[in-house]
């Protein structure tokens, strides 16, 4: 997401050995010659990291004010003191969601506002992120002259920015506010929903601890895989912020649950106040020309069961509402009661002439029980009818199914016996009777095989019957009508 940074740096001072010409050459990745020091500053090797550089000056400024070398040599020549301030720098963080053209347009618009406000020249340089650093670190350097520019050159100094206890802090805050408005206007123009603010987290009402600055040296150690005290502090702050965010989400969830409970209570109170709708009885009549099926009756039975459960729930709610009303009437017998939107009763101040509300608790409870008993009786009658219809339909389907006849045992002949059988003539038929024939060997063998197969079939039928007797779950019982 986009971040806010508008830092007005300390002015470049001659007593510290700083040079405005060298600073301009470094930030614009250019080669400039310092006439006073007779020194050449060449930083053209840094050109790939500079996306754009330009100079903005007032409309009535001379032509040499648009030339970088002439502008900063004249700015240093205009200062005669050995501890003079030569230039002032403003460091900006740019949104990484934008492209290069949009970022350049944003910096130009902000620099033009500074030129109009203070009448100085601004040397702007838009930088790309370093190859080994964070690829979202798009930023810009604005180098401002400390004197105003007129048609004859440099004039008086911008003292309003140099006063530490006078107008200085107010002007710096005005510059920060101007950058906030320009950046938010550019984000809106690009169709981005994110916005930035110059205010602190406390001023914005955010329960978030600010992260300390890591710095260039600590960042270099972190990229090399080494530990740093500043990096550890940032990790601790991020962990605490994550815990705060989790607690805030839980708090929002509890508030949402409370709101949903209030809505549910209001709906329940409205349902109790309104008359209960009559649920139509399920249509148990099958279509014309078709016999009723068991699944149809079962569906009707399930619908009646659901209706009974809903009715019981409604009865409980009605009893609870009646009990609450009676308790409230007993607590304040001389006051009038009004039901709130959340189902709670609110006590109102009674007028001097108001008569107390008289509630016959026993009569109200008896009337409610009679009404609920009548409704339960009607639903139970529907359930009995559905169960009876299910039993009749199952009986009709069972009677309509054909009776399966037992299959006759098949006679099998082994391959060795087929080879021993004589080739001419038809095969002999198995004999009948309880005793085997004694005159033919092949007939005796066929009789024995038939007897063994019959015994095996009887044994399997007997075992299946025993399994069904020991396992009631495998036996389909007919439902008994009530």
Protein backbone atom coordinates (compact mmCIF):
# COMPACT_ATOMS: atom_id res chain seq x y z
CA UNK A 1 0.00 0.00 0.00
CA UNK A 2 1.08 3.62 -0.46
CA UNK A 3 2.95 5.25 2.42
CA UNK A 4 3.36 8.88 3.40
CA UNK A 5 6.76 10.51 3.67
CA UNK A 6 7.61 14.17 3.26
CA UNK A 7 10.80 14.95 5.13
CA UNK A 8 12.25 18.48 5.06
CA UNK A 9 15.96 17.83 5.60
CA UNK A 10 18.47 20.12 7.26
CA UNK A 11 19.95 22.75 4.90
CA UNK A 12 23.31 22.11 3.23
CA UNK A 13 25.82 24.21 5.16
CA UNK A 14 29.18 25.46 3.92
CA UNK A 15 30.78 25.18 7.35
CA UNK A 16 30.21 21.38 7.26
CA UNK A 17 32.06 21.07 3.97
CA UNK A 18 28.88 20.54 1.95
CA UNK A 19 28.38 21.81 -1.60
CA UNK A 20 25.16 22.55 -3.47
CA UNK A 21 26.85 21.77 -6.81
CA UNK A 22 27.98 18.35 -5.61
CA UNK A 23 24.56 17.56 -4.16
CA UNK A 24 22.80 18.51 -7.42
CA UNK A 25 25.22 16.39 -9.49
CA UNK A 26 24.74 13.37 -7.21
CA UNK A 27 20.92 13.51 -7.19
CA UNK A 28 20.57 14.16 -10.94
CA UNK A 29 23.36 11.69 -11.93
CA UNK A 30 25.12 14.46 -13.89
CA UNK A 31 28.60 15.95 -14.28
CA UNK A 32 28.94 19.50 -12.90
CA UNK A 33 31.90 21.83 -12.36
CA UNK A 34 32.15 23.82 -9.10
CA UNK A 35 33.70 27.17 -10.05
CA UNK A 36 34.43 28.35 -6.50
CA UNK A 37 36.25 25.16 -5.48
CA UNK A 38 37.48 24.46 -9.03
CA UNK A 39 36.33 20.87 -8.68
CA UNK A 40 34.44 18.54 -11.04
CA UNK A 41 31.68 16.25 -9.74
CA UNK A 42 30.83 13.36 -12.08
CA UNK A 43 28.02 10.95 -11.06
CA UNK A 44 26.86 9.84 -14.50
CA UNK A 45 27.35 6.20 -13.52
CA UNK A 46 24.19 6.53 -11.38
CA UNK A 47 22.04 7.43 -14.39
CA UNK A 48 20.15 4.05 -14.54
CA UNK A 49 18.70 4.76 -11.08
CA UNK A 50 17.29 8.20 -12.06
CA UNK A 51 13.91 8.08 -13.78
CA UNK A 52 13.61 11.85 -14.41
CA UNK A 53 15.27 15.14 -13.44
CA UNK A 54 14.23 18.73 -14.19
CA UNK A 55 14.47 22.29 -12.86
CA UNK A 56 11.42 24.45 -12.13
CA UNK A 57 11.84 28.20 -11.59
CA UNK A 58 9.54 31.24 -11.41
CA UNK A 59 8.24 32.67 -14.69
CA UNK A 60 10.27 35.89 -14.41
CA UNK A 61 13.55 34.10 -13.55
CA UNK A 62 16.51 34.55 -15.95
CA UNK A 63 17.35 31.91 -18.53
CA UNK A 64 20.41 30.59 -16.70
CA UNK A 65 18.11 29.45 -13.85
CA UNK A 66 17.01 26.47 -16.06
CA UNK A 67 20.61 25.28 -16.38
CA UNK A 68 21.73 23.07 -13.49
CA UNK A 69 25.40 24.01 -13.44
CA UNK A 70 24.74 27.76 -13.76
CA UNK A 71 21.94 27.72 -11.19
CA UNK A 72 23.90 26.11 -8.36
CA UNK A 73 27.14 27.95 -9.08
CA UNK A 74 25.18 31.22 -8.82
CA UNK A 75 23.50 29.97 -5.63
CA UNK A 76 26.88 29.33 -4.00
CA UNK A 77 28.32 32.63 -5.29
CA UNK A 78 25.38 34.53 -3.76
CA UNK A 79 26.41 33.37 -0.26
CA UNK A 80 29.49 35.07 1.23
CA UNK A 81 29.48 33.72 4.79
CA UNK A 82 31.58 30.72 5.63
CA UNK A 83 28.64 29.10 7.54
CA UNK A 84 25.95 30.02 4.98
CA UNK A 85 23.10 27.67 4.04
CA UNK A 86 23.47 26.80 0.35
CA UNK A 87 20.41 24.65 -0.42
CA UNK A 88 17.45 22.93 1.25
CA UNK A 89 16.29 19.37 0.44
CA UNK A 90 12.86 17.74 0.62
CA UNK A 91 12.69 13.91 0.48
CA UNK A 92 9.46 12.29 -0.81
CA UNK A 93 8.22 8.69 -0.93
CA UNK A 94 6.22 7.91 -4.09
CA UNK A 95 3.39 5.36 -4.47
CA UNK A 96 4.64 2.12 -6.01
CA UNK A 97 1.13 1.43 -7.39
CA UNK A 98 1.67 4.14 -10.04
CA UNK A 99 3.86 3.96 -13.13
CA UNK A 100 6.85 6.22 -13.87
CA UNK A 101 4.85 8.78 -15.86
CA UNK A 102 2.25 9.18 -13.10
CA UNK A 103 4.92 9.55 -10.43
CA UNK A 104 6.80 12.16 -12.46
CA UNK A 105 3.59 14.13 -12.99
CA UNK A 106 2.89 14.03 -9.22
CA UNK A 107 6.37 15.34 -8.30
CA UNK A 108 6.19 18.09 -10.94
CA UNK A 109 2.83 19.29 -9.60
CA UNK A 110 4.14 19.42 -6.03
CA UNK A 111 7.37 21.19 -7.08
CA UNK A 112 5.36 23.79 -8.99
CA UNK A 113 3.35 24.52 -5.82
CA UNK A 114 6.60 25.07 -3.88
CA UNK A 115 7.86 27.46 -6.57
CA UNK A 116 4.64 29.46 -6.42
CA UNK A 117 4.59 29.55 -2.60
CA UNK A 118 8.21 30.58 -1.91
CA UNK A 119 9.47 31.95 -5.26
CA UNK A 120 12.54 29.69 -5.32
CA UNK A 121 14.01 27.31 -7.90
CA UNK A 122 13.47 23.58 -7.38
CA UNK A 123 15.77 20.91 -8.84
CA UNK A 124 13.71 17.67 -8.81
CA UNK A 125 15.05 14.14 -9.33
CA UNK A 126 12.85 11.02 -9.35
CA UNK A 127 14.78 7.87 -8.33
CA UNK A 128 14.03 4.21 -8.93
CA UNK A 129 14.54 1.51 -6.24
CA UNK A 130 18.02 0.04 -5.80
CA UNK A 131 18.64 -3.35 -7.37
CA UNK A 132 19.48 -4.94 -4.02
CA UNK A 133 16.80 -3.15 -1.98
CA UNK A 134 13.03 -2.99 -1.70
CA UNK A 135 11.54 -2.70 -5.19
CA UNK A 136 8.71 -0.51 -3.83
CA UNK A 137 11.12 2.23 -2.75
CA UNK A 138 10.30 4.84 -5.39
CA UNK A 139 11.30 8.28 -4.07
CA UNK A 140 12.18 11.80 -5.15
CA UNK A 141 14.73 14.43 -4.06
CA UNK A 142 13.79 18.12 -4.30
CA UNK A 143 16.73 20.55 -3.96
CA UNK A 144 15.49 24.09 -3.24
CA UNK A 145 17.49 27.30 -3.30
CA UNK A 146 17.63 29.26 -0.05
CA UNK A 147 17.03 32.60 -1.85
CA UNK A 148 14.15 33.76 -4.02
CA UNK A 149 14.64 34.25 -7.75
CA UNK A 150 13.67 37.43 -9.56
CA UNK A 151 14.25 38.79 -13.01
CA UNK A 152 17.71 40.04 -11.94
CA UNK A 153 18.75 36.84 -10.15
CA UNK A 154 18.77 35.86 -6.48
CA UNK A 155 17.17 38.22 -3.97
CA UNK A 156 16.34 37.88 -0.24
CA UNK A 157 16.52 34.61 1.69
CA UNK A 158 13.51 32.50 2.70
CA UNK A 159 13.78 33.26 6.40
CA UNK A 160 10.36 31.80 7.19
CA UNK A 161 11.82 28.31 6.70
CA UNK A 162 14.89 28.97 8.89
CA UNK A 163 13.14 30.12 12.07
CA UNK A 164 13.21 27.18 14.55
CA UNK A 165 10.66 28.69 16.97
CA UNK A 166 8.72 31.10 14.78
CA UNK A 167 7.17 30.41 11.40
CA UNK A 168 9.52 27.54 10.59
CA UNK A 169 7.51 24.63 12.10
CA UNK A 170 4.23 26.04 10.71
CA UNK A 171 5.72 26.32 7.19
CA UNK A 172 7.09 22.77 7.37
CA UNK A 173 3.67 21.50 8.44
CA UNK A 174 2.13 23.43 5.51
CA UNK A 175 4.56 21.69 3.12
CA UNK A 176 3.63 18.28 4.55
CA UNK A 177 -0.09 19.05 4.22
CA UNK A 178 0.43 20.19 0.63
CA UNK A 179 2.16 16.89 -0.22
CA UNK A 180 -0.65 14.90 1.44
CA UNK A 181 -3.28 16.63 -0.69
CA UNK A 182 -1.29 16.27 -3.91
CA UNK A 183 -0.62 12.58 -3.32
CA UNK A 184 -4.24 11.75 -2.46
CA UNK A 185 -5.42 13.73 -5.49
CA UNK A 186 -3.04 11.73 -7.71
CA UNK A 187 -4.18 8.40 -6.19
CA UNK A 188 -7.80 9.31 -6.84
CA UNK A 189 -6.98 10.37 -10.39
CA UNK A 190 -5.33 6.98 -11.02
CA UNK A 191 -8.40 5.10 -9.74
CA UNK A 192 -6.73 3.78 -6.56
CA UNK A 193 -8.73 3.47 -3.34
CA UNK A 194 -5.76 3.79 -0.97
CA UNK A 195 -5.17 7.15 0.76
CA UNK A 196 -2.33 8.56 2.90
CA UNK A 197 -2.27 10.88 5.91
CA UNK A 198 0.44 13.03 7.48
CA UNK A 199 -1.07 12.53 10.96
CA UNK A 200 0.29 10.04 13.46
CA UNK A 201 -1.52 6.84 14.41
CA UNK A 202 -2.61 8.39 17.71
CA UNK A 203 -3.99 11.48 15.96
CA UNK A 204 -5.91 9.23 13.54
CA UNK A 205 -7.32 7.15 16.41
CA UNK A 206 -5.50 3.96 15.35
CA UNK A 207 -4.45 1.42 17.98
CA UNK A 208 -1.17 0.75 16.24
CA UNK A 209 2.37 1.25 17.48
CA UNK A 210 4.63 3.17 15.05
CA UNK A 211 7.57 1.21 13.68
CA UNK A 212 11.02 2.71 14.32
CA UNK A 213 13.25 3.57 11.40
CA UNK A 214 15.77 0.86 10.54
CA UNK A 215 18.29 2.99 8.72
CA UNK A 216 20.70 2.32 5.87
CA UNK A 217 23.38 0.55 7.95
CA UNK A 218 20.94 -1.81 9.68
CA UNK A 219 19.27 -2.58 6.34
CA UNK A 220 22.65 -3.53 4.86
CA UNK A 221 23.30 -5.89 7.78
CA UNK A 222 19.85 -7.43 7.39
CA UNK A 223 20.38 -8.07 3.67
CA UNK A 224 23.65 -9.84 4.44
CA UNK A 225 21.83 -12.10 6.93
CA UNK A 226 23.31 -10.53 10.05
CA UNK A 227 21.38 -9.52 13.14
CA UNK A 228 20.81 -5.92 14.18
CA UNK A 229 19.25 -4.33 17.25
CA UNK A 230 17.06 -2.04 15.17
CA UNK A 231 15.74 -4.91 13.05
CA UNK A 232 14.87 -6.89 16.19
CA UNK A 233 12.98 -3.90 17.59
CA UNK A 234 10.99 -3.58 14.36
CA UNK A 235 10.08 -7.29 14.54
CA UNK A 236 8.87 -6.89 18.12
CA UNK A 237 6.74 -3.87 17.16
CA UNK A 238 5.21 -5.75 14.23
CA UNK A 239 4.38 -8.69 16.48
CA UNK A 240 2.62 -6.42 18.98
CA UNK A 241 0.71 -4.71 16.16
CA UNK A 242 -0.39 -8.11 14.86
CA UNK A 243 -1.71 -9.01 18.31
CA UNK A 244 -3.60 -5.70 18.46
CA UNK A 245 -5.17 -6.37 15.06
CA UNK A 246 -6.29 -9.85 16.14
CA UNK A 247 -7.86 -8.42 19.30
CA UNK A 248 -9.63 -5.73 17.27
CA UNK A 249 -11.03 -8.36 14.89
CA UNK A 250 -12.28 -10.43 17.83
CA UNK A 251 -13.89 -7.32 19.34
CA UNK A 252 -15.63 -6.56 16.04
CA UNK A 253 -16.81 -10.16 15.86
CA UNK A 254 -18.33 -9.95 19.34
CA UNK A 255 -20.09 -6.71 18.45
CA UNK A 256 -21.44 -8.30 15.28
CA UNK A 257 -22.72 -11.30 17.24
CA UNK A 258 -24.45 -8.97 19.72
CA UNK A 259 -26.13 -7.11 16.87
CA UNK A 260 -27.27 -10.36 15.26
CA UNK A 261 -28.68 -11.52 18.60
CA UNK A 262 -30.62 -8.27 18.97
CA UNK A 263 -32.04 -8.69 15.48
CA UNK A 264 -33.01 -12.30 16.24
CA UNK A 265 -34.76 -11.23 19.45
CA UNK A 266 -36.65 -8.52 17.57
CA UNK A 267 -37.76 -11.01 14.92
CA UNK A 268 -38.84 -13.50 17.57
CA UNK A 269 -40.83 -10.82 19.38
CA UNK A 270 -42.53 -9.83 16.13
CA UNK A 271 -43.34 -13.49 15.39
CA UNK A 272 -44.88 -13.94 18.84
CA UNK A 273 -46.93 -10.77 18.48
CA UNK A 274 -48.33 -11.83 15.10
CA UNK A 275 -50.84 -14.72 14.87
CA UNK A 276 -49.29 -18.08 14.05
CA UNK A 277 -49.85 -19.01 10.39
CA UNK A 278 -51.79 -22.17 9.72
CA UNK A 279 -49.65 -24.82 8.06
CA UNK A 280 -51.61 -26.70 5.37
CA UNK A 281 -51.83 -30.44 5.80
CA UNK A 282 -49.74 -32.46 3.31
CA UNK A 283 -51.64 -33.75 0.33
CA UNK A 284 -51.72 -37.52 0.77
CA UNK A 285 -53.86 -38.20 -2.29
CA UNK A 286 -51.86 -39.83 -5.11
CA UNK A 287 -52.26 -38.64 -8.72
CA UNK A 288 -55.24 -39.95 -10.66
CA UNK A 289 -54.65 -43.34 -12.25
CA UNK A 290 -51.66 -44.25 -10.04
CA UNK A 291 -51.32 -46.38 -6.96
CA UNK A 292 -49.78 -44.70 -3.90
CA UNK A 293 -46.17 -45.65 -3.25
CA UNK A 294 -44.39 -46.18 0.09
CA UNK A 295 -41.92 -43.32 -0.59
CA UNK A 296 -44.82 -40.90 -1.01
CA UNK A 297 -46.33 -41.83 2.36
CA UNK A 298 -42.92 -41.64 4.03
CA UNK A 299 -42.39 -38.14 2.65
CA UNK A 300 -45.74 -37.06 4.08
CA UNK A 301 -44.76 -38.55 7.43
CA UNK A 302 -41.48 -36.62 7.46
CA UNK A 303 -43.29 -33.37 6.66
CA UNK A 304 -45.69 -33.99 9.54
CA UNK A 305 -42.74 -34.67 11.86
CA UNK A 306 -41.06 -31.39 10.87
CA UNK A 307 -44.29 -29.51 11.40
CA UNK A 308 -44.58 -31.02 14.86
CA UNK A 309 -41.06 -29.94 15.80
CA UNK A 310 -41.71 -26.37 14.62
CA UNK A 311 -44.95 -26.29 16.53
CA UNK A 312 -43.23 -27.45 19.73
CA UNK A 313 -40.59 -24.74 19.30
CA UNK A 314 -43.30 -22.10 18.84
CA UNK A 315 -45.09 -23.37 21.94
CA UNK A 316 -41.91 -23.01 24.03
CA UNK A 317 -41.44 -19.44 22.80
CA UNK A 318 -45.04 -18.58 23.62
CA UNK A 319 -44.69 -20.00 27.14
CA UNK A 320 -41.46 -18.05 27.70
CA UNK A 321 -43.06 -14.81 26.48
CA UNK A 322 -46.05 -15.38 28.77
CA UNK A 323 -43.76 -16.05 31.75
CA UNK A 324 -41.74 -12.88 31.08
CA UNK A 325 -44.90 -10.80 30.80
CA UNK A 326 -46.21 -12.21 34.09
CA UNK A 327 -42.90 -11.60 35.89
CA UNK A 328 -42.79 -8.02 34.63
CA UNK A 329 -46.40 -7.42 35.69
CA UNK A 330 -45.70 -8.81 39.16
CA UNK A 331 -42.56 -6.66 39.51
CA UNK A 332 -44.37 -3.39 38.68
CA UNK A 333 -48.12 -3.96 39.14
CA UNK A 334 -48.94 -0.25 39.01
CA UNK A 335 -47.03 0.60 35.81
CA UNK A 336 -47.81 0.24 32.17
CA UNK A 337 -45.50 -2.08 30.14
CA UNK A 338 -44.32 -1.74 26.58
CA UNK A 339 -42.46 -4.37 24.58
CA UNK A 340 -39.16 -3.14 23.08
CA UNK A 341 -37.73 -4.00 19.66
CA UNK A 342 -35.34 -6.55 21.16
CA UNK A 343 -38.06 -8.48 23.03
CA UNK A 344 -37.34 -6.83 26.39
CA UNK A 345 -39.91 -4.93 28.43
CA UNK A 346 -39.34 -1.25 29.17
CA UNK A 347 -40.94 0.35 32.20
CA UNK A 348 -42.68 3.64 31.50
CA UNK A 349 -43.63 6.31 34.01
CA UNK A 350 -47.30 5.89 34.74
CA UNK A 351 -49.68 8.81 34.85
CA UNK A 352 -51.33 9.57 38.20
CA UNK A 353 -54.74 8.50 36.85
CA UNK A 354 -53.48 5.25 35.23
CA UNK A 355 -55.05 2.07 36.55
CA UNK A 356 -52.82 -0.91 37.36
CA UNK A 357 -52.70 -3.76 34.88
CA UNK A 358 -54.34 -6.92 36.19
CA UNK A 359 -53.01 -10.18 34.79
CA UNK A 360 -54.82 -13.47 35.52
CA UNK A 361 -51.85 -15.80 35.39
CA UNK A 362 -53.77 -19.05 35.85
CA UNK A 363 -56.41 -18.25 33.21
CA UNK A 364 -53.78 -17.19 30.65
CA UNK A 365 -51.76 -20.36 31.25
CA UNK A 366 -54.82 -22.60 30.94
CA UNK A 367 -55.89 -20.93 27.67
CA UNK A 368 -52.40 -21.30 26.23
CA UNK A 369 -52.22 -24.99 27.19
CA UNK A 370 -55.63 -25.67 25.59
CA UNK A 371 -54.57 -24.02 22.35
CA UNK A 372 -51.29 -25.92 22.26
CA UNK A 373 -52.99 -29.26 23.08
CA UNK A 374 -55.44 -28.78 20.18
CA UNK A 375 -52.61 -28.07 17.77
CA UNK A 376 -50.62 -31.10 18.95
CA UNK A 377 -53.68 -33.32 18.63
CA UNK A 378 -54.22 -32.26 15.01
CA UNK A 379 -50.59 -33.00 14.11
CA UNK A 380 -50.63 -36.39 15.85
CA UNK A 381 -53.72 -37.33 13.85
CA UNK A 382 -51.86 -36.51 10.65
CA UNK A 383 -48.93 -38.67 11.77
CA UNK A 384 -51.18 -41.64 12.58
CA UNK A 385 -52.81 -41.35 9.18
CA UNK A 386 -49.43 -41.24 7.47
CA UNK A 387 -48.19 -44.34 9.36
CA UNK A 388 -51.36 -46.27 8.45
CA UNK A 389 -50.98 -45.33 4.81
CA UNK A 390 -47.31 -46.42 4.84
CA UNK A 391 -48.29 -49.87 6.18
CA UNK A 392 -51.07 -50.31 3.58
CA UNK A 393 -48.77 -49.29 0.71
CA UNK A 394 -46.04 -51.71 1.84
CA UNK A 395 -48.60 -54.53 2.05
CA UNK A 396 -49.85 -53.81 -1.50
CA UNK A 397 -46.31 -53.75 -2.91
CA UNK A 398 -45.43 -57.03 -1.17
CA UNK A 399 -48.56 -58.71 -2.51
CA UNK A 400 -47.86 -57.49 -6.05
CA UNK A 401 -44.37 -59.08 -6.13
CA UNK A 402 -44.24 -62.57 -7.86
CA UNK A 403 -43.31 -65.63 -5.77
CA UNK A 404 -39.86 -66.99 -6.63
CA UNK A 405 -39.71 -70.79 -7.25
CA UNK A 406 -36.66 -72.75 -6.07
CA UNK A 407 -34.38 -73.85 -8.87
CA UNK A 408 -33.89 -77.55 -9.57
CA UNK A 409 -30.43 -78.85 -8.74
CA UNK A 410 -28.20 -79.33 -11.75
CA UNK A 411 -26.30 -82.53 -12.29
CA UNK A 412 -22.59 -82.20 -13.04
CA UNK A 413 -20.36 -84.98 -14.38
CA UNK A 414 -16.65 -85.01 -13.80
CA UNK A 415 -14.28 -85.14 -16.77
CA UNK A 416 -12.77 -88.52 -15.82
CA UNK A 417 -16.24 -90.10 -15.73
CA UNK A 418 -17.04 -88.68 -19.17
CA UNK A 419 -13.91 -90.32 -20.52
CA UNK A 420 -14.90 -93.66 -18.91
CA UNK A 421 -18.45 -93.56 -20.37
CA UNK A 422 -19.04 -95.81 -23.41
CA UNK A 423 -19.21 -93.97 -26.72
CA UNK A 424 -22.11 -95.81 -28.43
CA UNK A 425 -25.64 -95.30 -27.20
CA UNK A 426 -27.29 -92.52 -25.07
CA UNK A 427 -26.06 -91.82 -21.46
CA UNK A 428 -27.90 -93.68 -18.72
CA UNK A 429 -30.54 -91.72 -16.75
CA UNK A 430 -30.23 -91.36 -12.95
CA UNK A 431 -32.28 -93.93 -11.06
CA UNK A 432 -35.10 -93.03 -8.74
CA UNK A 433 -35.85 -94.33 -5.25
CA UNK A 434 -34.27 -94.24 -1.82
CA UNK A 435 -31.80 -97.09 -2.47
CA UNK A 436 -29.07 -97.11 -5.13
CA UNK A 437 -29.30 -99.67 -7.98
CA UNK A 438 -26.92 -102.57 -7.63
CA UNK A 439 -26.63 -103.74 -11.21
CA UNK A 440 -25.06 -100.66 -12.98
CA UNK A 441 -21.88 -98.87 -11.75
CA UNK A 442 -22.47 -95.61 -13.67
CA UNK A 443 -26.07 -95.33 -12.45
CA UNK A 444 -24.89 -95.76 -8.86
CA UNK A 445 -22.38 -92.95 -9.22
CA UNK A 446 -25.00 -90.58 -10.74
CA UNK A 447 -27.40 -91.37 -7.89
CA UNK A 448 -24.75 -90.63 -5.29
CA UNK A 449 -23.88 -87.28 -6.86
CA UNK A 450 -27.52 -86.22 -6.92
CA UNK A 451 -27.92 -87.15 -3.27
CA UNK A 452 -24.85 -85.17 -2.21
CA UNK A 453 -26.06 -82.07 -4.06
CA UNK A 454 -29.47 -82.23 -2.42
CA UNK A 455 -27.87 -82.55 1.04
CA UNK A 456 -25.60 -79.58 0.33
CA UNK A 457 -28.56 -77.41 -0.75
CA UNK A 458 -30.52 -78.28 2.40
CA UNK A 459 -27.52 -77.48 4.59
CA UNK A 460 -27.06 -74.03 2.99
CA UNK A 461 -30.76 -73.20 3.40
CA UNK A 462 -30.62 -74.20 7.05
CA UNK A 463 -27.54 -72.02 7.70
CA UNK A 464 -29.16 -69.01 6.02
CA UNK A 465 -32.27 -69.41 8.17
CA UNK A 466 -30.14 -69.55 11.34
CA UNK A 467 -28.28 -66.33 10.33
CA UNK A 468 -31.57 -64.48 9.88
CA UNK A 469 -32.78 -65.62 13.28
CA UNK A 470 -29.58 -64.43 15.02
CA UNK A 471 -29.39 -61.08 13.13
CA UNK A 472 -32.70 -59.14 13.48
CA UNK A 473 -31.36 -56.32 11.29
CA UNK A 474 -31.54 -58.57 8.22
CA UNK A 475 -35.23 -59.38 8.69
CA UNK A 476 -37.67 -56.84 7.17
CA UNK A 477 -40.52 -56.37 9.64
CA UNK A 478 -43.87 -55.01 8.65
CA UNK A 479 -44.78 -51.70 10.42
CA UNK A 480 -47.71 -52.04 12.77
CA UNK A 481 -50.51 -49.50 12.27
CA UNK A 482 -51.35 -47.42 15.38
